[in-house]
Amino acid sequence: MLTLEGISIVQGDFRLSADFSVEDSTRVAVIGPSGAGKSTLLSLIAGFLEPVAGRVLWNDEDITATAPGARPAAMLFQDNNLFPHLSAAQNVGLGLRPDLRLSGEDTRRVEEALARVGLAGYGARKPSALSGGQQSRVALARVLVQDRPLVLLDEPFSALGPALKAEMLDLLAELLDETGATLLMVSHDPEDARRVAQRTILVADGAALAPQDTAPLLDNPPPALKAYLG
């Protein structure tokens, strides 16, 4: 279980508070107005930001001061962070070893991860030889190969068209059901939340609110969410 206990983030005039838990194996969307702090929330959980108050707990263990690489989380950013000079397999392999000195077992895991996202046989291709959807699959494979129990996605499919984005969201849900990992996914699109997330965190007015069931929240939004949705 992920717990944010009395969290307070301060960056200049920006402030964000959070105090909630996320149950294991739950898929959670993070939505709210631009600049409200959605990506900041994920960066805190991943370990790239420190709170001025409060604790980040994983299964009751305090990980507030734990380095990003030692946390139980794998994070995928909006631009996928693929290196153009590396092959698909090498980009995935970075999730295991930043120096790419992969063992035979590491190589097997990379090939397995590519196969799980539908890219068996594509390992030698550079990102420029892949479509946008295939590049997203490579980035997702890099998350999978890390085999972390917490997956953090910051608008990973926002550059894709509606049909391809829906395909990727369905693939994501399928893979998470297989692994049992917990998901927190930032999105500006409420339909993304409906499609993939059982629960939703609203970030607005300086606070990340506790997760709520997605459909009832979107069907009967509070004022802050209603103003955002229009």
C-alpha atoms as a PDB file:
ATOM      1  CA  MET A   1       0.000   0.000   0.000  1.00  0.00           C
ATOM      2  CA  LEU A   2       1.149   3.510  -0.859  1.00  0.00           C
ATOM      3  CA  THR A   3       0.481   6.128   1.809  1.00  0.00           C
ATOM      4  CA  LEU A   4       1.070   9.862   1.692  1.00  0.00           C
ATOM      5  CA  GLU A   5       0.928  10.984   5.304  1.00  0.00           C
ATOM      6  CA  GLY A   6       0.506  14.688   5.997  1.00  0.00           C
ATOM      7  CA  ILE A   7       2.444  15.659   2.882  1.00  0.00           C
ATOM      8  CA  SER A   8       3.173  19.307   2.160  1.00  0.00           C
ATOM      9  CA  ILE A   9       5.082  20.456  -0.937  1.00  0.00           C
ATOM     10  CA  VAL A  10       6.196  24.066  -1.291  1.00  0.00           C
ATOM     11  CA  GLN A  11       7.908  25.488  -4.381  1.00  0.00           C
ATOM     12  CA  GLY A  12       7.911  29.288  -4.275  1.00  0.00           C
ATOM     13  CA  ASP A  13       4.263  30.345  -4.330  1.00  0.00           C
ATOM     14  CA  PHE A  14       3.111  26.826  -5.225  1.00  0.00           C
ATOM     15  CA  ARG A  15       1.750  24.606  -2.466  1.00  0.00           C
ATOM     16  CA  LEU A  16       0.306  21.114  -2.537  1.00  0.00           C
ATOM     17  CA  SER A  17      -0.939  18.932   0.306  1.00  0.00           C
ATOM     18  CA  ALA A  18      -1.804  15.237   0.266  1.00  0.00           C
ATOM     19  CA  ASP A  19      -2.973  12.777   2.892  1.00  0.00           C
ATOM     20  CA  PHE A  20      -4.317   9.465   1.575  1.00  0.00           C
ATOM     21  CA  SER A  21      -3.556   5.825   0.803  1.00  0.00           C
ATOM     22  CA  VAL A  22      -3.793   3.752  -2.372  1.00  0.00           C
ATOM     23  CA  GLU A  23      -4.570   0.071  -2.031  1.00  0.00           C
ATOM     24  CA  ASP A  24      -2.344  -2.500  -3.717  1.00  0.00           C
ATOM     25  CA  SER A  25      -3.146  -3.495  -7.326  1.00  0.00           C
ATOM     26  CA  THR A  26      -5.438  -0.478  -7.806  1.00  0.00           C
ATOM     27  CA  ARG A  27      -5.415   1.533 -11.029  1.00  0.00           C
ATOM     28  CA  VAL A  28      -5.715   5.224 -10.145  1.00  0.00           C
ATOM     29  CA  ALA A  29      -6.057   8.217 -12.473  1.00  0.00           C
ATOM     30  CA  VAL A  30      -4.741  11.632 -11.400  1.00  0.00           C
ATOM     31  CA  ILE A  31      -6.712  14.486 -12.950  1.00  0.00           C
ATOM     32  CA  GLY A  32      -7.138  18.210 -12.444  1.00  0.00           C
ATOM     33  CA  PRO A  33      -6.414  21.612 -13.995  1.00  0.00           C
ATOM     34  CA  SER A  34      -3.085  22.422 -15.640  1.00  0.00           C
ATOM     35  CA  GLY A  35      -0.567  23.570 -13.060  1.00  0.00           C
ATOM     36  CA  ALA A  36      -2.499  22.091 -10.146  1.00  0.00           C
ATOM     37  CA  GLY A  37       0.323  19.718  -9.219  1.00  0.00           C
ATOM     38  CA  LYS A  38      -0.439  16.370 -10.886  1.00  0.00           C
ATOM     39  CA  SER A  39       3.092  15.802 -12.186  1.00  0.00           C
ATOM     40  CA  THR A  40       4.496  17.205  -8.942  1.00  0.00           C
ATOM     41  CA  LEU A  41       2.575  14.549  -7.029  1.00  0.00           C
ATOM     42  CA  LEU A  42       4.100  11.770  -9.148  1.00  0.00           C
ATOM     43  CA  SER A  43       7.581  13.270  -8.823  1.00  0.00           C
ATOM     44  CA  LEU A  44       7.194  13.259  -5.048  1.00  0.00           C
ATOM     45  CA  ILE A  45       6.178   9.596  -5.021  1.00  0.00           C
ATOM     46  CA  ALA A  46       9.028   8.697  -7.383  1.00  0.00           C
ATOM     47  CA  GLY A  47      11.546  10.458  -5.144  1.00  0.00           C
ATOM     48  CA  PHE A  48      12.497  13.384  -7.373  1.00  0.00           C
ATOM     49  CA  LEU A  49      11.010  15.886  -4.908  1.00  0.00           C
ATOM     50  CA  GLU A  50      11.152  16.102  -1.136  1.00  0.00           C
ATOM     51  CA  PRO A  51       8.204  17.337   0.922  1.00  0.00           C
ATOM     52  CA  VAL A  52       8.637  20.094   3.483  1.00  0.00           C
ATOM     53  CA  ALA A  53       6.450  18.041   5.810  1.00  0.00           C
ATOM     54  CA  GLY A  54       4.959  14.568   5.934  1.00  0.00           C
ATOM     55  CA  ARG A  55       6.040  11.080   4.910  1.00  0.00           C
ATOM     56  CA  VAL A  56       5.810   8.754   1.922  1.00  0.00           C
ATOM     57  CA  LEU A  57       5.185   5.172   3.024  1.00  0.00           C
ATOM     58  CA  TRP A  58       5.223   1.915   1.106  1.00  0.00           C
ATOM     59  CA  ASN A  59       3.750  -1.017   3.015  1.00  0.00           C
ATOM     60  CA  ASP A  60       4.231   1.004   6.217  1.00  0.00           C
ATOM     61  CA  GLU A  61       7.948   1.565   5.486  1.00  0.00           C
ATOM     62  CA  ASP A  62       9.064   5.185   5.385  1.00  0.00           C
ATOM     63  CA  ILE A  63      10.647   5.838   1.960  1.00  0.00           C
ATOM     64  CA  THR A  64      10.562   9.658   2.142  1.00  0.00           C
ATOM     65  CA  ALA A  65      14.356   9.910   2.012  1.00  0.00           C
ATOM     66  CA  THR A  66      14.908   6.886  -0.252  1.00  0.00           C
ATOM     67  CA  ALA A  67      16.635   7.587  -3.576  1.00  0.00           C
ATOM     68  CA  PRO A  68      14.469   7.223  -6.718  1.00  0.00           C
ATOM     69  CA  GLY A  69      16.277   4.129  -7.965  1.00  0.00           C
ATOM     70  CA  ALA A  70      15.784   2.358  -4.643  1.00  0.00           C
ATOM     71  CA  ARG A  71      12.038   2.999  -4.481  1.00  0.00           C
ATOM     72  CA  PRO A  72       9.453   0.379  -5.492  1.00  0.00           C
ATOM     73  CA  ALA A  73       8.318   2.592  -8.383  1.00  0.00           C
ATOM     74  CA  ALA A  74       8.911   2.735 -12.130  1.00  0.00           C
ATOM     75  CA  MET A  75       8.046   6.020 -13.847  1.00  0.00           C
ATOM     76  CA  LEU A  76       7.218   6.817 -17.468  1.00  0.00           C
ATOM     77  CA  PHE A  77       7.213  10.445 -18.568  1.00  0.00           C
ATOM     78  CA  GLN A  78       5.139  12.116 -21.261  1.00  0.00           C
ATOM     79  CA  ASP A  79       7.828  12.070 -23.971  1.00  0.00           C
ATOM     80  CA  ASN A  80       8.713   8.388 -23.353  1.00  0.00           C
ATOM     81  CA  ASN A  81      12.443   9.294 -22.912  1.00  0.00           C
ATOM     82  CA  LEU A  82      13.664   6.965 -25.661  1.00  0.00           C
ATOM     83  CA  PHE A  83      17.264   7.491 -26.775  1.00  0.00           C
ATOM     84  CA  PRO A  84      17.332   7.808 -30.575  1.00  0.00           C
ATOM     85  CA  HIS A  85      20.820   6.274 -30.964  1.00  0.00           C
ATOM     86  CA  LEU A  86      19.852   3.108 -29.070  1.00  0.00           C
ATOM     87  CA  SER A  87      17.810   0.176 -30.338  1.00  0.00           C
ATOM     88  CA  ALA A  88      14.434  -0.721 -28.895  1.00  0.00           C
ATOM     89  CA  ALA A  89      16.030  -3.555 -26.916  1.00  0.00           C
ATOM     90  CA  GLN A  90      18.730  -1.240 -25.554  1.00  0.00           C
ATOM     91  CA  ASN A  91      16.152   1.357 -24.544  1.00  0.00           C
ATOM     92  CA  VAL A  92      14.285  -1.346 -22.640  1.00  0.00           C
ATOM     93  CA  GLY A  93      17.530  -2.658 -21.176  1.00  0.00           C
ATOM     94  CA  LEU A  94      18.184   0.713 -19.549  1.00  0.00           C
ATOM     95  CA  GLY A  95      15.410  -0.197 -17.138  1.00  0.00           C
ATOM     96  CA  LEU A  96      17.644  -2.996 -15.858  1.00  0.00           C
ATOM     97  CA  ARG A  97      21.155  -1.570 -16.134  1.00  0.00           C
ATOM     98  CA  PRO A  98      21.971   2.052 -17.036  1.00  0.00           C
ATOM     99  CA  ASP A  99      25.364   0.904 -18.357  1.00  0.00           C
ATOM    100  CA  LEU A 100      23.633  -1.694 -20.600  1.00  0.00           C
ATOM    101  CA  ARG A 101      25.993  -4.440 -19.447  1.00  0.00           C
ATOM    102  CA  LEU A 102      23.224  -7.008 -19.642  1.00  0.00           C
ATOM    103  CA  SER A 103      23.604 -10.610 -18.589  1.00  0.00           C
ATOM    104  CA  GLY A 104      22.010 -13.438 -20.517  1.00  0.00           C
ATOM    105  CA  GLU A 105      19.127 -13.387 -18.054  1.00  0.00           C
ATOM    106  CA  ASP A 106      18.758  -9.623 -18.508  1.00  0.00           C
ATOM    107  CA  THR A 107      18.594 -10.039 -22.277  1.00  0.00           C
ATOM    108  CA  ARG A 108      15.929 -12.697 -21.883  1.00  0.00           C
ATOM    109  CA  ARG A 109      13.868 -10.365 -19.696  1.00  0.00           C
ATOM    110  CA  VAL A 110      14.163  -7.567 -22.272  1.00  0.00           C
ATOM    111  CA  GLU A 111      12.997  -9.871 -25.071  1.00  0.00           C
ATOM    112  CA  GLU A 112      10.126 -11.088 -22.909  1.00  0.00           C
ATOM    113  CA  ALA A 113       9.049  -7.525 -22.100  1.00  0.00           C
ATOM    114  CA  LEU A 114       9.059  -6.560 -25.780  1.00  0.00           C
ATOM    115  CA  ALA A 115       6.993  -9.633 -26.588  1.00  0.00           C
ATOM    116  CA  ARG A 116       4.466  -8.783 -23.875  1.00  0.00           C
ATOM    117  CA  VAL A 117       3.811  -5.397 -25.496  1.00  0.00           C
ATOM    118  CA  GLY A 118       3.510  -6.924 -28.967  1.00  0.00           C
ATOM    119  CA  LEU A 119       6.987  -6.063 -30.247  1.00  0.00           C
ATOM    120  CA  ALA A 120       8.652  -9.475 -30.519  1.00  0.00           C
ATOM    121  CA  GLY A 121      11.307  -9.225 -33.220  1.00  0.00           C
ATOM    122  CA  TYR A 122      11.510  -5.421 -33.051  1.00  0.00           C
ATOM    123  CA  GLY A 123      14.420  -5.237 -30.615  1.00  0.00           C
ATOM    124  CA  ALA A 124      17.054  -4.179 -33.164  1.00  0.00           C
ATOM    125  CA  ARG A 125      15.042  -1.236 -34.512  1.00  0.00           C
ATOM    126  CA  LYS A 126      15.873   2.355 -33.585  1.00  0.00           C
ATOM    127  CA  PRO A 127      13.029   4.634 -32.393  1.00  0.00           C
ATOM    128  CA  SER A 128      13.062   6.463 -35.743  1.00  0.00           C
ATOM    129  CA  ALA A 129      12.070   3.199 -37.430  1.00  0.00           C
ATOM    130  CA  LEU A 130       9.067   2.767 -35.138  1.00  0.00           C
ATOM    131  CA  SER A 131       5.630   4.349 -35.230  1.00  0.00           C
ATOM    132  CA  GLY A 132       4.423   6.534 -32.385  1.00  0.00           C
ATOM    133  CA  GLY A 133       2.426   3.674 -30.954  1.00  0.00           C
ATOM    134  CA  GLN A 134       5.385   1.312 -31.186  1.00  0.00           C
ATOM    135  CA  GLN A 135       7.596   3.838 -29.414  1.00  0.00           C
ATOM    136  CA  SER A 136       5.023   4.009 -26.612  1.00  0.00           C
ATOM    137  CA  ARG A 137       5.118   0.217 -26.401  1.00  0.00           C
ATOM    138  CA  VAL A 138       8.916   0.273 -26.070  1.00  0.00           C
ATOM    139  CA  ALA A 139       8.650   2.792 -23.239  1.00  0.00           C
ATOM    140  CA  LEU A 140       6.003   0.649 -21.570  1.00  0.00           C
ATOM    141  CA  ALA A 141       8.234  -2.422 -21.930  1.00  0.00           C
ATOM    142  CA  ARG A 142      11.019  -0.541 -20.119  1.00  0.00           C
ATOM    143  CA  VAL A 143       8.611   0.021 -17.219  1.00  0.00           C
ATOM    144  CA  LEU A 144       7.559  -3.637 -17.227  1.00  0.00           C
ATOM    145  CA  VAL A 145      11.087  -5.026 -17.263  1.00  0.00           C
ATOM    146  CA  GLN A 146      11.824  -3.227 -13.994  1.00  0.00           C
ATOM    147  CA  ASP A 147       9.151  -5.359 -12.341  1.00  0.00           C
ATOM    148  CA  ARG A 148       8.277  -2.724  -9.732  1.00  0.00           C
ATOM    149  CA  PRO A 149       5.038  -2.988  -7.740  1.00  0.00           C
ATOM    150  CA  LEU A 150       4.200   0.698  -8.336  1.00  0.00           C
ATOM    151  CA  VAL A 151       3.882   2.184 -11.837  1.00  0.00           C
ATOM    152  CA  LEU A 152       3.774   5.974 -12.296  1.00  0.00           C
ATOM    153  CA  LEU A 153       2.734   7.317 -15.711  1.00  0.00           C
ATOM    154  CA  ASP A 154       2.738  11.031 -16.553  1.00  0.00           C
ATOM    155  CA  GLU A 155       0.438  11.442 -19.580  1.00  0.00           C
ATOM    156  CA  PRO A 156       2.321   8.717 -21.465  1.00  0.00           C
ATOM    157  CA  PHE A 157      -0.058   8.469 -24.409  1.00  0.00           C
ATOM    158  CA  SER A 158      -1.144  12.089 -24.844  1.00  0.00           C
ATOM    159  CA  ALA A 159       0.605  12.434 -28.228  1.00  0.00           C
ATOM    160  CA  LEU A 160      -1.313   9.503 -29.716  1.00  0.00           C
ATOM    161  CA  GLY A 161      -4.553   9.690 -31.655  1.00  0.00           C
ATOM    162  CA  PRO A 162      -7.801   8.593 -29.955  1.00  0.00           C
ATOM    163  CA  ALA A 163      -7.914   5.051 -31.362  1.00  0.00           C
ATOM    164  CA  LEU A 164      -4.250   4.312 -30.668  1.00  0.00           C
ATOM    165  CA  LYS A 165      -4.461   5.846 -27.197  1.00  0.00           C
ATOM    166  CA  ALA A 166      -7.436   3.632 -26.379  1.00  0.00           C
ATOM    167  CA  GLU A 167      -5.463   0.610 -27.598  1.00  0.00           C
ATOM    168  CA  MET A 168      -2.523   1.515 -25.370  1.00  0.00           C
ATOM    169  CA  LEU A 169      -4.761   2.085 -22.345  1.00  0.00           C
ATOM    170  CA  ASP A 170      -6.347  -1.331 -22.854  1.00  0.00           C
ATOM    171  CA  LEU A 171      -2.896  -2.918 -23.166  1.00  0.00           C
ATOM    172  CA  LEU A 172      -1.795  -1.135 -19.995  1.00  0.00           C
ATOM    173  CA  ALA A 173      -4.804  -2.429 -18.063  1.00  0.00           C
ATOM    174  CA  GLU A 174      -4.182  -5.947 -19.335  1.00  0.00           C
ATOM    175  CA  LEU A 175      -0.525  -5.911 -18.335  1.00  0.00           C
ATOM    176  CA  LEU A 176      -1.276  -4.490 -14.890  1.00  0.00           C
ATOM    177  CA  ASP A 177      -3.868  -7.187 -14.321  1.00  0.00           C
ATOM    178  CA  GLU A 178      -1.129  -9.729 -15.094  1.00  0.00           C
ATOM    179  CA  THR A 179       1.490  -8.213 -12.807  1.00  0.00           C
ATOM    180  CA  GLY A 180      -0.754  -6.924 -10.007  1.00  0.00           C
ATOM    181  CA  ALA A 181       1.142  -3.624  -9.919  1.00  0.00           C
ATOM    182  CA  THR A 182      -0.450  -0.458  -8.574  1.00  0.00           C
ATOM    183  CA  LEU A 183      -0.906   2.371 -11.087  1.00  0.00           C
ATOM    184  CA  LEU A 184      -1.019   6.150 -10.723  1.00  0.00           C
ATOM    185  CA  MET A 185      -1.544   7.784 -14.121  1.00  0.00           C
ATOM    186  CA  VAL A 186      -1.755  11.512 -14.807  1.00  0.00           C
ATOM    187  CA  SER A 187      -4.160  12.447 -17.583  1.00  0.00           C
ATOM    188  CA  HIS A 188      -5.992  15.551 -18.790  1.00  0.00           C
ATOM    189  CA  ASP A 189      -8.682  13.395 -20.400  1.00  0.00           C
ATOM    190  CA  PRO A 190     -11.465  12.139 -18.108  1.00  0.00           C
ATOM    191  CA  GLU A 191     -12.235   9.407 -20.639  1.00  0.00           C
ATOM    192  CA  ASP A 192      -8.770   7.962 -19.940  1.00  0.00           C
ATOM    193  CA  ALA A 193      -9.761   7.706 -16.289  1.00  0.00           C
ATOM    194  CA  ARG A 194     -13.032   6.019 -17.174  1.00  0.00           C
ATOM    195  CA  ARG A 195     -11.293   3.531 -19.434  1.00  0.00           C
ATOM    196  CA  VAL A 196      -8.450   2.364 -17.223  1.00  0.00           C
ATOM    197  CA  ALA A 197      -8.829   3.562 -13.628  1.00  0.00           C
ATOM    198  CA  GLN A 198     -10.988   2.130 -10.868  1.00  0.00           C
ATOM    199  CA  ARG A 199     -10.229   5.134  -8.671  1.00  0.00           C
ATOM    200  CA  THR A 200      -9.373   8.770  -9.353  1.00  0.00           C
ATOM    201  CA  ILE A 201      -7.406  11.414  -7.442  1.00  0.00           C
ATOM    202  CA  LEU A 202      -8.501  14.993  -8.049  1.00  0.00           C
ATOM    203  CA  VAL A 203      -5.696  17.554  -7.745  1.00  0.00           C
ATOM    204  CA  ALA A 204      -7.065  21.091  -7.404  1.00  0.00           C
ATOM    205  CA  ASP A 205      -6.934  24.163  -5.167  1.00  0.00           C
ATOM    206  CA  GLY A 206      -3.638  23.177  -3.550  1.00  0.00           C
ATOM    207  CA  ALA A 207      -4.604  19.642  -2.552  1.00  0.00           C
ATOM    208  CA  ALA A 208      -4.437  16.112  -3.917  1.00  0.00           C
ATOM    209  CA  LEU A 209      -7.643  14.590  -2.617  1.00  0.00           C
ATOM    210  CA  ALA A 210      -8.085  10.980  -1.531  1.00  0.00           C
ATOM    211  CA  PRO A 211      -8.923   8.505  -4.319  1.00  0.00           C
ATOM    212  CA  GLN A 212     -12.597   8.113  -5.135  1.00  0.00           C
ATOM    213  CA  ASP A 213     -14.456   5.673  -7.373  1.00  0.00           C
ATOM    214  CA  THR A 214     -13.974   6.988 -10.894  1.00  0.00           C
ATOM    215  CA  ALA A 215     -17.443   6.763 -12.423  1.00  0.00           C
ATOM    216  CA  PRO A 216     -19.375   8.415  -9.556  1.00  0.00           C
ATOM    217  CA  LEU A 217     -16.748  11.163  -9.280  1.00  0.00           C
ATOM    218  CA  LEU A 218     -16.947  12.014 -12.986  1.00  0.00           C
ATOM    219  CA  ASP A 219     -20.723  11.643 -13.152  1.00  0.00           C
ATOM    220  CA  ASN A 220     -21.264  13.962 -10.183  1.00  0.00           C
ATOM    221  CA  PRO A 221     -18.125  16.133 -10.049  1.00  0.00           C
ATOM    222  CA  PRO A 222     -17.428  18.520  -7.156  1.00  0.00           C
ATOM    223  CA  PRO A 223     -17.184  22.225  -8.075  1.00  0.00           C
ATOM    224  CA  ALA A 224     -13.415  22.201  -8.714  1.00  0.00           C
ATOM    225  CA  LEU A 225     -13.660  19.232 -11.063  1.00  0.00           C
ATOM    226  CA  LYS A 226     -16.809  20.567 -12.731  1.00  0.00           C
ATOM    227  CA  ALA A 227     -15.040  23.848 -13.479  1.00  0.00           C
ATOM    228  CA  TYR A 228     -12.148  21.919 -15.003  1.00  0.00           C
ATOM    229  CA  LEU A 229     -14.323  19.617 -17.102  1.00  0.00           C
ATOM    230  CA  GLY A 230     -16.461  22.532 -18.316  1.00  0.00           C
END
